[in-house]
Amino acid sequence: MNCVIYRSTKRDQTYLYVEKKDDFSRVPPELMKSFGEPRLAMIFPLDGRKKLVNASLENVIRALKDQGYYLQLPPPPESLLKIHLDSQRGN
């Protein structure tokens, strides 16, 4: 199984994984609208891989088979308040 990854032009650090290049037929129109113009980031085979850098290999494969796409969102922003409170506890 191949994996084609596109980056979003509207949302920073947001990526859309599909099986075939330029095939967004199974991606909901609402998602495509909010994603913006897809920009090709990379293509690689999933077969034989043990892991992915920023996504769970099992979740990606399952999503590609079940719904035809996988959406990778950016990590949540760090809470500056939590960082501050944690640093105060260490004093």
Protein backbone atom coordinates (compact mmCIF):
# COMPACT_ATOMS: atom_id res chain seq x y z
CA MET A 1 0.00 0.00 0.00
CA ASN A 2 1.31 3.43 -0.96
CA CYS A 3 0.87 6.59 1.02
CA VAL A 4 0.69 10.03 -0.55
CA ILE A 5 0.97 12.96 1.85
CA TYR A 6 -0.22 16.48 1.12
CA ARG A 7 0.28 19.56 3.26
CA SER A 8 -2.45 22.09 3.81
CA THR A 9 -2.20 25.62 2.42
CA LYS A 10 -4.70 26.90 4.98
CA ARG A 11 -3.61 25.15 8.19
CA ASP A 12 -0.04 25.03 9.43
CA GLN A 13 1.35 21.56 10.24
CA THR A 14 -1.76 19.83 8.86
CA TYR A 15 -1.33 16.89 6.49
CA LEU A 16 -3.70 14.71 4.48
CA TYR A 17 -2.72 11.11 3.69
CA VAL A 18 -4.34 9.27 0.76
CA GLU A 19 -3.47 6.07 -1.14
CA LYS A 20 -3.26 7.43 -4.69
CA LYS A 21 -1.74 10.64 -5.98
CA ASP A 22 -4.35 13.35 -6.58
CA ASP A 23 -7.25 11.02 -5.64
CA PHE A 24 -9.39 12.88 -3.10
CA SER A 25 -12.62 11.11 -4.08
CA ARG A 26 -13.15 9.63 -0.60
CA VAL A 27 -12.25 12.83 1.29
CA PRO A 28 -15.35 14.79 2.42
CA PRO A 29 -15.84 18.05 0.46
CA GLU A 30 -16.04 20.04 3.73
CA LEU A 31 -12.61 18.76 4.74
CA MET A 32 -11.12 19.60 1.35
CA LYS A 33 -12.56 23.11 1.57
CA SER A 34 -11.06 23.76 5.02
CA PHE A 35 -7.78 22.04 4.04
CA GLY A 36 -7.16 24.35 1.09
CA GLU A 37 -5.18 23.52 -2.03
CA PRO A 38 -3.28 20.29 -1.30
CA ARG A 39 0.48 20.54 -1.86
CA LEU A 40 2.31 17.28 -2.46
CA ALA A 41 4.77 16.62 0.37
CA MET A 42 5.90 13.02 -0.24
CA ILE A 43 5.03 9.56 -1.54
CA PHE A 44 6.24 6.30 0.01
CA PRO A 45 5.17 2.67 0.49
CA LEU A 46 3.67 1.68 3.83
CA ASP A 47 4.46 -2.00 3.29
CA GLY A 48 7.41 -3.11 5.38
CA ARG A 49 7.44 0.02 7.54
CA LYS A 50 7.57 -0.39 11.28
CA LYS A 51 6.60 3.17 12.21
CA LEU A 52 5.98 6.70 10.99
CA VAL A 53 7.50 9.87 12.44
CA ASN A 54 4.40 11.85 13.47
CA ALA A 55 1.54 9.36 13.19
CA SER A 56 0.66 5.85 14.28
CA LEU A 57 1.31 3.43 11.40
CA GLU A 58 -1.64 1.27 12.47
CA ASN A 59 -4.01 4.26 12.61
CA VAL A 60 -2.90 5.50 9.19
CA ILE A 61 -3.35 2.10 7.53
CA ARG A 62 -6.75 1.57 9.19
CA ALA A 63 -7.98 5.04 8.20
CA LEU A 64 -6.81 4.65 4.60
CA LYS A 65 -8.62 1.31 4.29
CA ASP A 66 -11.79 2.33 6.17
CA GLN A 67 -12.39 5.93 5.12
CA GLY A 68 -9.88 6.53 2.31
CA TYR A 69 -7.83 9.22 4.05
CA TYR A 70 -5.99 10.09 7.26
CA LEU A 71 -5.80 13.65 8.59
CA GLN A 72 -2.75 14.58 10.67
CA LEU A 73 -3.31 17.64 12.82
CA PRO A 74 -0.61 19.68 14.57
CA PRO A 75 0.15 18.92 18.19
CA PRO A 76 -1.75 21.05 20.70
CA PRO A 77 0.08 24.18 21.83
CA GLU A 78 1.94 24.00 25.09
CA SER A 79 0.19 25.57 28.04
CA LEU A 80 2.40 28.40 29.28
CA LEU A 81 0.45 28.41 32.54
CA LYS A 82 1.20 24.72 33.11
CA ILE A 83 4.88 25.26 32.33
CA HIS A 84 4.98 28.14 34.77
CA LEU A 85 3.19 26.23 37.54
CA ASP A 86 5.43 23.19 37.03
CA SER A 87 8.52 25.39 37.30
CA GLN A 88 7.18 26.92 40.53
CA ARG A 89 6.70 23.50 42.10
CA GLY A 90 10.33 22.67 41.39
CA ASN A 91 11.59 25.63 43.49
